[in-house]
Amino acid sequence: MDIPQVRIQSEQGQIGMSHSRPYMQIRQHNAVMEIDQELAGTISISRTASKLFIDQSEAFADANLKSPLRMASEWSAGGKQRALQYAAKKAQEGEQLKAIENGVNMLPRVAKNHSDPPAKEINLGYMPKNMSRVRFTYQPSEIKVDSAWPDPSIRFHIQKPELSAPPWEVNVYMKKNPSITMDVVPSLINRLV
């Protein structure tokens, strides 16, 4: 006699998933900047006069155009020097004449020095002697610039970004439903009863 068997057959179910991932969008507007400035500034410019100084006193002195004080000073200095030269010359002649005691006749030589004046030298001269005798001093002018310019007024208006972030979605569904079937083989259960 066959023993009845129960046969069970099952099929697994399958889950399906679908998802939606929309992109996030960011939109940024430009910032707005406002600048206000008063265009009525003032500028002042001041300038000092330039100065040129020319000193020709040495050039005039070469042409014998001197101040009375300078002429008196030079004459007194020249007279003193000539007096010293004359005293030195007379002292030298006195020394020469002392040699008469030793029998040397120095009188003709001293007389010859007095009778023959030195030859005069003539040279070509320039007035003024050179350009360095005229001195130039120049003081340039100074320029001063002052400006009173108002500062600009600057304002910024910042625009906030627009952010669009739709949510992600996941849908879960049954792709295939599970099933169980049971069978009794052989079907003798009813006969035995």
C-alpha atoms as a PDB file:
ATOM      1  CA  MET A   1       0.000   0.000   0.000  1.00  0.00           C
ATOM      2  CA  ASP A   2       1.308   3.383  -0.933  1.00  0.00           C
ATOM      3  CA  ILE A   3       1.790   5.880   1.807  1.00  0.00           C
ATOM      4  CA  PRO A   4       0.294   9.169   0.934  1.00  0.00           C
ATOM      5  CA  GLN A   5       2.706  11.990   0.524  1.00  0.00           C
ATOM      6  CA  VAL A   6       2.053  15.638   0.805  1.00  0.00           C
ATOM      7  CA  ARG A   7       3.835  17.612  -1.855  1.00  0.00           C
ATOM      8  CA  ILE A   8       4.365  21.322  -1.167  1.00  0.00           C
ATOM      9  CA  GLN A   9       5.561  23.639  -3.874  1.00  0.00           C
ATOM     10  CA  SER A  10       6.373  27.272  -3.144  1.00  0.00           C
ATOM     11  CA  GLU A  11       7.535  30.186  -5.223  1.00  0.00           C
ATOM     12  CA  GLN A  12       9.316  33.086  -3.691  1.00  0.00           C
ATOM     13  CA  GLY A  13       7.992  36.555  -4.123  1.00  0.00           C
ATOM     14  CA  GLN A  14      10.044  39.359  -5.700  1.00  0.00           C
ATOM     15  CA  ILE A  15      10.138  42.936  -4.556  1.00  0.00           C
ATOM     16  CA  GLY A  16      10.678  45.668  -7.101  1.00  0.00           C
ATOM     17  CA  MET A  17      12.009  49.134  -6.346  1.00  0.00           C
ATOM     18  CA  SER A  18      11.922  52.305  -8.424  1.00  0.00           C
ATOM     19  CA  HIS A  19      13.547  55.522  -7.349  1.00  0.00           C
ATOM     20  CA  SER A  20      13.551  59.131  -8.455  1.00  0.00           C
ATOM     21  CA  ARG A  21      16.576  61.343  -7.826  1.00  0.00           C
ATOM     22  CA  PRO A  22      15.858  64.843  -9.148  1.00  0.00           C
ATOM     23  CA  TYR A  23      18.756  67.298  -9.383  1.00  0.00           C
ATOM     24  CA  MET A  24      19.235  70.047  -6.867  1.00  0.00           C
ATOM     25  CA  GLN A  25      19.241  73.518  -8.440  1.00  0.00           C
ATOM     26  CA  ILE A  26      20.902  76.657  -7.075  1.00  0.00           C
ATOM     27  CA  ARG A  27      20.367  80.023  -8.687  1.00  0.00           C
ATOM     28  CA  GLN A  28      22.386  83.000  -7.535  1.00  0.00           C
ATOM     29  CA  HIS A  29      21.439  86.520  -8.589  1.00  0.00           C
ATOM     30  CA  ASN A  30      24.088  89.211  -8.972  1.00  0.00           C
ATOM     31  CA  ALA A  31      24.704  91.540  -6.075  1.00  0.00           C
ATOM     32  CA  VAL A  32      23.643  95.152  -6.509  1.00  0.00           C
ATOM     33  CA  MET A  33      26.235  97.843  -5.800  1.00  0.00           C
ATOM     34  CA  GLU A  34      25.451 101.550  -5.536  1.00  0.00           C
ATOM     35  CA  ILE A  35      28.134 104.219  -5.605  1.00  0.00           C
ATOM     36  CA  ASP A  36      27.372 107.861  -4.823  1.00  0.00           C
ATOM     37  CA  GLN A  37      30.065 110.484  -5.029  1.00  0.00           C
ATOM     38  CA  GLU A  38      29.984 114.240  -4.878  1.00  0.00           C
ATOM     39  CA  LEU A  39      31.840 115.524  -7.915  1.00  0.00           C
ATOM     40  CA  ALA A  40      32.390 119.032  -6.609  1.00  0.00           C
ATOM     41  CA  GLY A  41      35.856 118.634  -5.135  1.00  0.00           C
ATOM     42  CA  THR A  42      38.329 121.494  -5.020  1.00  0.00           C
ATOM     43  CA  ILE A  43      41.938 121.566  -6.119  1.00  0.00           C
ATOM     44  CA  SER A  44      44.258 124.393  -5.126  1.00  0.00           C
ATOM     45  CA  ILE A  45      47.678 124.816  -6.704  1.00  0.00           C
ATOM     46  CA  SER A  46      50.212 127.252  -5.295  1.00  0.00           C
ATOM     47  CA  ARG A  47      53.644 127.964  -6.708  1.00  0.00           C
ATOM     48  CA  THR A  48      56.538 129.948  -5.352  1.00  0.00           C
ATOM     49  CA  ALA A  49      58.605 132.029  -7.742  1.00  0.00           C
ATOM     50  CA  SER A  50      61.897 130.634  -8.920  1.00  0.00           C
ATOM     51  CA  LYS A  51      64.960 132.721  -8.134  1.00  0.00           C
ATOM     52  CA  LEU A  52      68.137 133.232 -10.115  1.00  0.00           C
ATOM     53  CA  PHE A  53      71.105 134.942  -8.456  1.00  0.00           C
ATOM     54  CA  ILE A  54      74.044 136.137 -10.592  1.00  0.00           C
ATOM     55  CA  ASP A  55      77.213 137.239  -8.787  1.00  0.00           C
ATOM     56  CA  GLN A  56      79.442 139.220 -11.195  1.00  0.00           C
ATOM     57  CA  SER A  57      81.559 140.944  -8.592  1.00  0.00           C
ATOM     58  CA  GLU A  58      84.724 138.969  -9.535  1.00  0.00           C
ATOM     59  CA  ALA A  59      84.137 139.603 -13.244  1.00  0.00           C
ATOM     60  CA  PHE A  60      83.750 143.345 -12.544  1.00  0.00           C
ATOM     61  CA  ALA A  61      86.883 143.214 -10.391  1.00  0.00           C
ATOM     62  CA  ASP A  62      88.817 141.880 -13.420  1.00  0.00           C
ATOM     63  CA  ALA A  63      87.741 145.085 -15.233  1.00  0.00           C
ATOM     64  CA  ASN A  64      88.822 147.131 -12.189  1.00  0.00           C
ATOM     65  CA  LEU A  65      85.215 147.969 -11.306  1.00  0.00           C
ATOM     66  CA  LYS A  66      85.378 147.466  -7.556  1.00  0.00           C
ATOM     67  CA  SER A  67      83.623 148.906  -4.569  1.00  0.00           C
ATOM     68  CA  PRO A  68      85.491 151.697  -2.708  1.00  0.00           C
ATOM     69  CA  LEU A  69      86.000 149.535   0.369  1.00  0.00           C
ATOM     70  CA  ARG A  70      87.452 146.661  -1.695  1.00  0.00           C
ATOM     71  CA  MET A  71      89.751 149.057  -3.587  1.00  0.00           C
ATOM     72  CA  ALA A  72      90.999 150.643  -0.348  1.00  0.00           C
ATOM     73  CA  SER A  73      91.589 147.186   1.145  1.00  0.00           C
ATOM     74  CA  GLU A  74      93.511 145.972  -1.938  1.00  0.00           C
ATOM     75  CA  TRP A  75      95.558 149.202  -2.149  1.00  0.00           C
ATOM     76  CA  SER A  76      96.508 149.011   1.517  1.00  0.00           C
ATOM     77  CA  ALA A  77      97.478 145.324   1.131  1.00  0.00           C
ATOM     78  CA  GLY A  78      99.462 146.122  -2.036  1.00  0.00           C
ATOM     79  CA  GLY A  79     101.163 149.151  -0.388  1.00  0.00           C
ATOM     80  CA  LYS A  80     102.172 147.054   2.594  1.00  0.00           C
ATOM     81  CA  GLN A  81     103.607 144.352   0.327  1.00  0.00           C
ATOM     82  CA  ARG A  82     105.554 146.925  -1.754  1.00  0.00           C
ATOM     83  CA  ALA A  83     106.893 148.538   1.428  1.00  0.00           C
ATOM     84  CA  LEU A  84     108.139 145.157   2.661  1.00  0.00           C
ATOM     85  CA  GLN A  85     109.673 144.415  -0.761  1.00  0.00           C
ATOM     86  CA  TYR A  86     111.404 147.841  -0.736  1.00  0.00           C
ATOM     87  CA  ALA A  87     112.760 147.275   2.798  1.00  0.00           C
ATOM     88  CA  ALA A  88     114.051 143.835   1.750  1.00  0.00           C
ATOM     89  CA  LYS A  89     115.705 145.324  -1.348  1.00  0.00           C
ATOM     90  CA  LYS A  90     117.409 148.065   0.673  1.00  0.00           C
ATOM     91  CA  ALA A  91     118.607 145.538   3.236  1.00  0.00           C
ATOM     92  CA  GLN A  92     120.087 143.415   0.407  1.00  0.00           C
ATOM     93  CA  GLU A  93     121.844 146.465  -1.067  1.00  0.00           C
ATOM     94  CA  GLY A  94     123.208 147.302   2.384  1.00  0.00           C
ATOM     95  CA  GLU A  95     124.663 143.807   2.640  1.00  0.00           C
ATOM     96  CA  GLN A  96     126.245 144.229  -0.812  1.00  0.00           C
ATOM     97  CA  LEU A  97     127.751 147.578   0.160  1.00  0.00           C
ATOM     98  CA  LYS A  98     129.337 146.041   3.263  1.00  0.00           C
ATOM     99  CA  ALA A  99     131.633 144.165   0.913  1.00  0.00           C
ATOM    100  CA  ILE A 100     133.460 147.500   0.225  1.00  0.00           C
ATOM    101  CA  GLU A 101     135.341 146.934   3.467  1.00  0.00           C
ATOM    102  CA  ASN A 102     136.898 143.847   1.940  1.00  0.00           C
ATOM    103  CA  GLY A 103     138.068 145.733  -1.151  1.00  0.00           C
ATOM    104  CA  VAL A 104     135.275 144.731  -3.500  1.00  0.00           C
ATOM    105  CA  ASN A 105     133.875 147.604  -5.466  1.00  0.00           C
ATOM    106  CA  MET A 106     130.068 146.978  -5.345  1.00  0.00           C
ATOM    107  CA  LEU A 107     129.019 150.552  -6.219  1.00  0.00           C
ATOM    108  CA  PRO A 108     128.887 150.002 -10.017  1.00  0.00           C
ATOM    109  CA  ARG A 109     126.703 146.904  -9.619  1.00  0.00           C
ATOM    110  CA  VAL A 110     124.252 148.640  -7.240  1.00  0.00           C
ATOM    111  CA  ALA A 111     124.153 151.714  -9.517  1.00  0.00           C
ATOM    112  CA  LYS A 112     123.451 149.500 -12.556  1.00  0.00           C
ATOM    113  CA  ASN A 113     120.503 147.845 -10.741  1.00  0.00           C
ATOM    114  CA  HIS A 114     119.069 151.339 -10.072  1.00  0.00           C
ATOM    115  CA  SER A 115     119.645 152.660 -13.578  1.00  0.00           C
ATOM    116  CA  ASP A 116     118.186 149.689 -15.547  1.00  0.00           C
ATOM    117  CA  PRO A 117     114.494 149.269 -14.672  1.00  0.00           C
ATOM    118  CA  PRO A 118     113.104 145.798 -15.267  1.00  0.00           C
ATOM    119  CA  ALA A 119     111.549 145.234 -18.684  1.00  0.00           C
ATOM    120  CA  LYS A 120     107.796 145.438 -18.724  1.00  0.00           C
ATOM    121  CA  GLU A 121     105.908 142.367 -19.864  1.00  0.00           C
ATOM    122  CA  ILE A 122     102.873 142.687 -22.037  1.00  0.00           C
ATOM    123  CA  ASN A 123     100.460 139.777 -22.081  1.00  0.00           C
ATOM    124  CA  LEU A 124      97.119 139.258 -23.747  1.00  0.00           C
ATOM    125  CA  GLY A 125      94.347 139.232 -21.161  1.00  0.00           C
ATOM    126  CA  TYR A 126      90.612 138.593 -21.120  1.00  0.00           C
ATOM    127  CA  MET A 127      87.900 140.219 -19.087  1.00  0.00           C
ATOM    128  CA  PRO A 128      86.596 138.367 -17.240  1.00  0.00           C
ATOM    129  CA  LYS A 129      89.532 135.994 -17.044  1.00  0.00           C
ATOM    130  CA  ASN A 130      87.209 132.952 -17.342  1.00  0.00           C
ATOM    131  CA  MET A 131      83.553 132.074 -16.991  1.00  0.00           C
ATOM    132  CA  SER A 132      84.029 130.794 -13.458  1.00  0.00           C
ATOM    133  CA  ARG A 133      84.321 134.440 -12.380  1.00  0.00           C
ATOM    134  CA  VAL A 134      80.537 134.758 -12.832  1.00  0.00           C
ATOM    135  CA  ARG A 135      78.629 132.633 -10.333  1.00  0.00           C
ATOM    136  CA  PHE A 136      75.048 131.519 -10.844  1.00  0.00           C
ATOM    137  CA  THR A 137      72.764 130.294  -8.076  1.00  0.00           C
ATOM    138  CA  TYR A 138      69.344 129.017  -9.063  1.00  0.00           C
ATOM    139  CA  GLN A 139      66.522 128.215  -6.678  1.00  0.00           C
ATOM    140  CA  PRO A 140      63.686 126.402  -8.492  1.00  0.00           C
ATOM    141  CA  SER A 141      60.077 127.138  -7.766  1.00  0.00           C
ATOM    142  CA  GLU A 142      58.034 124.830  -5.559  1.00  0.00           C
ATOM    143  CA  ILE A 143      54.576 123.648  -6.557  1.00  0.00           C
ATOM    144  CA  LYS A 144      52.107 122.598  -3.879  1.00  0.00           C
ATOM    145  CA  VAL A 145      48.869 120.833  -4.813  1.00  0.00           C
ATOM    146  CA  ASP A 146      46.038 120.400  -2.293  1.00  0.00           C
ATOM    147  CA  SER A 147      42.860 118.552  -3.193  1.00  0.00           C
ATOM    148  CA  ALA A 148      39.718 118.282  -1.097  1.00  0.00           C
ATOM    149  CA  TRP A 149      37.808 115.430  -2.694  1.00  0.00           C
ATOM    150  CA  PRO A 150      34.872 113.832  -0.853  1.00  0.00           C
ATOM    151  CA  ASP A 151      34.961 110.078  -0.274  1.00  0.00           C
ATOM    152  CA  PRO A 152      32.457 108.002  -2.256  1.00  0.00           C
ATOM    153  CA  SER A 153      29.504 106.298  -0.568  1.00  0.00           C
ATOM    154  CA  ILE A 154      29.390 102.604  -1.534  1.00  0.00           C
ATOM    155  CA  ARG A 155      26.464 100.306  -0.654  1.00  0.00           C
ATOM    156  CA  PHE A 156      26.022  96.613  -1.418  1.00  0.00           C
ATOM    157  CA  HIS A 157      22.724  94.713  -1.613  1.00  0.00           C
ATOM    158  CA  ILE A 158      23.375  90.986  -1.453  1.00  0.00           C
ATOM    159  CA  GLN A 159      20.852  88.686  -3.163  1.00  0.00           C
ATOM    160  CA  LYS A 160      20.219  85.403  -1.379  1.00  0.00           C
ATOM    161  CA  PRO A 161      20.567  82.278  -3.517  1.00  0.00           C
ATOM    162  CA  GLU A 162      17.438  80.401  -4.618  1.00  0.00           C
ATOM    163  CA  LEU A 163      17.767  76.745  -3.670  1.00  0.00           C
ATOM    164  CA  SER A 164      15.499  74.085  -5.151  1.00  0.00           C
ATOM    165  CA  ALA A 165      16.050  70.614  -3.651  1.00  0.00           C
ATOM    166  CA  PRO A 166      13.145  68.236  -4.427  1.00  0.00           C
ATOM    167  CA  PRO A 167      13.156  65.109  -2.242  1.00  0.00           C
ATOM    168  CA  TRP A 168      14.329  61.789  -3.552  1.00  0.00           C
ATOM    169  CA  GLU A 169      11.625  59.137  -3.774  1.00  0.00           C
ATOM    170  CA  VAL A 170      11.816  55.334  -3.565  1.00  0.00           C
ATOM    171  CA  ASN A 171       8.736  53.187  -4.467  1.00  0.00           C
ATOM    172  CA  VAL A 172       8.699  49.576  -3.319  1.00  0.00           C
ATOM    173  CA  TYR A 173       6.215  47.217  -4.962  1.00  0.00           C
ATOM    174  CA  MET A 174       5.626  43.497  -5.354  1.00  0.00           C
ATOM    175  CA  LYS A 175       7.054  42.447  -8.654  1.00  0.00           C
ATOM    176  CA  LYS A 176       5.964  38.822  -8.152  1.00  0.00           C
ATOM    177  CA  ASN A 177       3.656  37.560  -5.402  1.00  0.00           C
ATOM    178  CA  PRO A 178       4.736  34.488  -3.412  1.00  0.00           C
ATOM    179  CA  SER A 179       2.687  31.316  -3.770  1.00  0.00           C
ATOM    180  CA  ILE A 180       2.376  27.922  -2.020  1.00  0.00           C
ATOM    181  CA  THR A 181       0.627  24.888  -3.570  1.00  0.00           C
ATOM    182  CA  MET A 182       0.040  21.665  -1.680  1.00  0.00           C
ATOM    183  CA  ASP A 183      -0.745  18.313  -3.275  1.00  0.00           C
ATOM    184  CA  VAL A 184      -1.368  14.901  -1.744  1.00  0.00           C
ATOM    185  CA  VAL A 185      -0.025  11.975  -3.761  1.00  0.00           C
ATOM    186  CA  PRO A 186      -1.569   9.440  -4.202  1.00  0.00           C
ATOM    187  CA  SER A 187      -4.963  10.553  -3.415  1.00  0.00           C
ATOM    188  CA  LEU A 188      -5.929   7.557  -1.473  1.00  0.00           C
ATOM    189  CA  ILE A 189      -6.909   9.354   1.648  1.00  0.00           C
ATOM    190  CA  ASN A 190     -10.607   9.258   0.772  1.00  0.00           C
ATOM    191  CA  ARG A 191     -10.492   5.537   0.048  1.00  0.00           C
ATOM    192  CA  LEU A 192      -9.190   4.573   3.405  1.00  0.00           C
ATOM    193  CA  VAL A 193     -11.862   6.328   5.211  1.00  0.00           C
END
